[in-house]
Amino acid sequence: MAEFLLELYISRADADAAGRGAESARRAAEDLTREGTSIRYLRSIFVPEDETCFLLYEAGSADAVREAARRASLSVERIAQAVAVSSDTKNRHDKGDP
């Protein structure tokens, strides 16, 4: 499965919406998983200064992420495939792990 980043607008005046959105996103992904869709909600990052929230998923396709967002009633700005870049990722690849 690949990782996908979902971007949405959340007003800094309603910062609690980020937490509610994350919880809805998690539940929607769990429902889809029970129905046989390959998707897992990983985490969210809210950037109040930019009024932007990023949700990270692991999924079989962008369409699965789009469906999770629809079920969670999230107003999506964009969905893009993402690649994790960190020293942990480098070390795993050096050892031959996927």
C-alpha atoms as a PDB file:
ATOM      1  CA  MET A   1       0.000   0.000   0.000  1.00  0.00           C
ATOM      2  CA  ALA A   2       1.077   3.574  -0.645  1.00  0.00           C
ATOM      3  CA  GLU A   3       0.777   6.632   1.573  1.00  0.00           C
ATOM      4  CA  PHE A   4      -1.527   9.492   0.613  1.00  0.00           C
ATOM      5  CA  LEU A   5      -1.783  12.998   2.016  1.00  0.00           C
ATOM      6  CA  LEU A   6      -5.180  14.648   2.133  1.00  0.00           C
ATOM      7  CA  GLU A   7      -5.279  18.436   2.491  1.00  0.00           C
ATOM      8  CA  LEU A   8      -8.243  20.428   3.740  1.00  0.00           C
ATOM      9  CA  TYR A   9      -9.038  23.930   4.933  1.00  0.00           C
ATOM     10  CA  ILE A  10      -9.909  24.463   8.600  1.00  0.00           C
ATOM     11  CA  SER A  11     -10.343  27.941  10.027  1.00  0.00           C
ATOM     12  CA  ARG A  12      -7.987  28.757  12.885  1.00  0.00           C
ATOM     13  CA  ALA A  13     -11.091  30.127  14.635  1.00  0.00           C
ATOM     14  CA  ASP A  14     -12.430  26.544  14.736  1.00  0.00           C
ATOM     15  CA  ALA A  15      -9.327  24.569  15.698  1.00  0.00           C
ATOM     16  CA  ASP A  16     -11.512  21.917  17.368  1.00  0.00           C
ATOM     17  CA  ALA A  17     -12.688  20.998  13.867  1.00  0.00           C
ATOM     18  CA  ALA A  18      -9.272  19.442  13.224  1.00  0.00           C
ATOM     19  CA  GLY A  19      -9.802  16.935  16.030  1.00  0.00           C
ATOM     20  CA  ARG A  20     -13.357  16.189  14.963  1.00  0.00           C
ATOM     21  CA  GLY A  21     -12.210  15.719  11.363  1.00  0.00           C
ATOM     22  CA  ALA A  22      -9.420  13.374  12.412  1.00  0.00           C
ATOM     23  CA  GLU A  23     -11.824  11.243  14.436  1.00  0.00           C
ATOM     24  CA  SER A  24     -14.317  11.103  11.550  1.00  0.00           C
ATOM     25  CA  ALA A  25     -11.491  10.209   9.153  1.00  0.00           C
ATOM     26  CA  ARG A  26     -10.326   7.378  11.410  1.00  0.00           C
ATOM     27  CA  ARG A  27     -13.839   5.949  11.737  1.00  0.00           C
ATOM     28  CA  ALA A  28     -14.491   6.157   7.989  1.00  0.00           C
ATOM     29  CA  ALA A  29     -11.228   4.339   7.224  1.00  0.00           C
ATOM     30  CA  GLU A  30     -12.079   1.622   9.762  1.00  0.00           C
ATOM     31  CA  ASP A  31     -15.520   1.171   8.180  1.00  0.00           C
ATOM     32  CA  LEU A  32     -13.998   0.868   4.712  1.00  0.00           C
ATOM     33  CA  THR A  33     -11.447  -1.646   5.994  1.00  0.00           C
ATOM     34  CA  ARG A  34     -14.253  -3.796   7.438  1.00  0.00           C
ATOM     35  CA  GLU A  35     -15.910  -3.647   4.003  1.00  0.00           C
ATOM     36  CA  GLY A  36     -12.737  -4.930   2.320  1.00  0.00           C
ATOM     37  CA  THR A  37     -11.068  -1.711   1.139  1.00  0.00           C
ATOM     38  CA  SER A  38      -7.332  -1.420   1.809  1.00  0.00           C
ATOM     39  CA  ILE A  39      -7.023   1.801   3.824  1.00  0.00           C
ATOM     40  CA  ARG A  40      -5.655   2.906   7.174  1.00  0.00           C
ATOM     41  CA  TYR A  41      -5.787   6.371   8.739  1.00  0.00           C
ATOM     42  CA  LEU A  42      -2.345   7.180  10.184  1.00  0.00           C
ATOM     43  CA  ARG A  43      -2.353  10.717  11.616  1.00  0.00           C
ATOM     44  CA  SER A  44      -3.304  14.367  11.157  1.00  0.00           C
ATOM     45  CA  ILE A  45      -1.342  17.589  11.386  1.00  0.00           C
ATOM     46  CA  PHE A  46      -3.139  20.919  11.777  1.00  0.00           C
ATOM     47  CA  VAL A  47      -1.283  24.104  10.797  1.00  0.00           C
ATOM     48  CA  PRO A  48      -3.402  26.907  12.323  1.00  0.00           C
ATOM     49  CA  GLU A  49      -1.297  29.687  10.805  1.00  0.00           C
ATOM     50  CA  ASP A  50      -2.084  28.379   7.309  1.00  0.00           C
ATOM     51  CA  GLU A  51      -5.609  27.195   8.217  1.00  0.00           C
ATOM     52  CA  THR A  52      -4.699  23.833   6.726  1.00  0.00           C
ATOM     53  CA  CYS A  53      -5.009  20.292   7.999  1.00  0.00           C
ATOM     54  CA  PHE A  54      -3.135  17.326   6.534  1.00  0.00           C
ATOM     55  CA  LEU A  55      -4.359  13.770   7.035  1.00  0.00           C
ATOM     56  CA  LEU A  56      -2.023  10.899   6.256  1.00  0.00           C
ATOM     57  CA  TYR A  57      -3.406   7.569   5.074  1.00  0.00           C
ATOM     58  CA  GLU A  58      -1.988   4.274   3.946  1.00  0.00           C
ATOM     59  CA  ALA A  59      -4.215   2.968   1.167  1.00  0.00           C
ATOM     60  CA  GLY A  60      -4.417   0.917  -1.980  1.00  0.00           C
ATOM     61  CA  SER A  61      -5.463   3.953  -4.029  1.00  0.00           C
ATOM     62  CA  ALA A  62      -6.305   7.644  -3.949  1.00  0.00           C
ATOM     63  CA  ASP A  63      -9.909   6.633  -4.654  1.00  0.00           C
ATOM     64  CA  ALA A  64     -10.039   4.795  -1.314  1.00  0.00           C
ATOM     65  CA  VAL A  65      -8.856   7.964   0.446  1.00  0.00           C
ATOM     66  CA  ARG A  66     -11.390  10.039  -1.481  1.00  0.00           C
ATOM     67  CA  GLU A  67     -14.177   7.672  -0.364  1.00  0.00           C
ATOM     68  CA  ALA A  68     -13.030   7.839   3.263  1.00  0.00           C
ATOM     69  CA  ALA A  69     -13.075  11.641   3.071  1.00  0.00           C
ATOM     70  CA  ARG A  70     -16.565  11.597   1.550  1.00  0.00           C
ATOM     71  CA  ARG A  71     -17.854   9.343   4.324  1.00  0.00           C
ATOM     72  CA  ALA A  72     -16.204  11.558   6.944  1.00  0.00           C
ATOM     73  CA  SER A  73     -17.836  14.652   5.351  1.00  0.00           C
ATOM     74  CA  LEU A  74     -14.450  16.316   4.821  1.00  0.00           C
ATOM     75  CA  SER A  75     -14.155  19.121   2.257  1.00  0.00           C
ATOM     76  CA  VAL A  76     -10.998  18.011   0.482  1.00  0.00           C
ATOM     77  CA  GLU A  77      -8.732  20.505  -1.255  1.00  0.00           C
ATOM     78  CA  ARG A  78      -6.324  17.889  -2.580  1.00  0.00           C
ATOM     79  CA  ILE A  79      -5.180  14.274  -2.323  1.00  0.00           C
ATOM     80  CA  ALA A  80      -1.645  13.332  -3.358  1.00  0.00           C
ATOM     81  CA  GLN A  81       0.555  10.289  -3.024  1.00  0.00           C
ATOM     82  CA  ALA A  82       3.228  10.887  -0.381  1.00  0.00           C
ATOM     83  CA  VAL A  83       6.638   9.411   0.350  1.00  0.00           C
ATOM     84  CA  ALA A  84       7.988   9.330   3.895  1.00  0.00           C
ATOM     85  CA  VAL A  85      11.509  10.708   4.107  1.00  0.00           C
ATOM     86  CA  SER A  86      13.301  10.210   7.408  1.00  0.00           C
ATOM     87  CA  SER A  87      16.368   8.569   8.865  1.00  0.00           C
ATOM     88  CA  ASP A  88      14.126   5.667   9.973  1.00  0.00           C
ATOM     89  CA  THR A  89      13.023   5.117   6.371  1.00  0.00           C
ATOM     90  CA  LYS A  90      16.628   5.168   5.182  1.00  0.00           C
ATOM     91  CA  ASN A  91      17.690   2.656   7.823  1.00  0.00           C
ATOM     92  CA  ARG A  92      14.860   0.259   6.938  1.00  0.00           C
ATOM     93  CA  HIS A  93      15.770   0.391   3.247  1.00  0.00           C
ATOM     94  CA  ASP A  94      19.471  -0.115   4.033  1.00  0.00           C
ATOM     95  CA  LYS A  95      18.566  -3.326   5.881  1.00  0.00           C
ATOM     96  CA  GLY A  96      16.507  -4.569   2.949  1.00  0.00           C
ATOM     97  CA  ASP A  97      13.133  -4.103   4.658  1.00  0.00           C
ATOM     98  CA  PRO A  98      10.297  -2.674   2.538  1.00  0.00           C
END
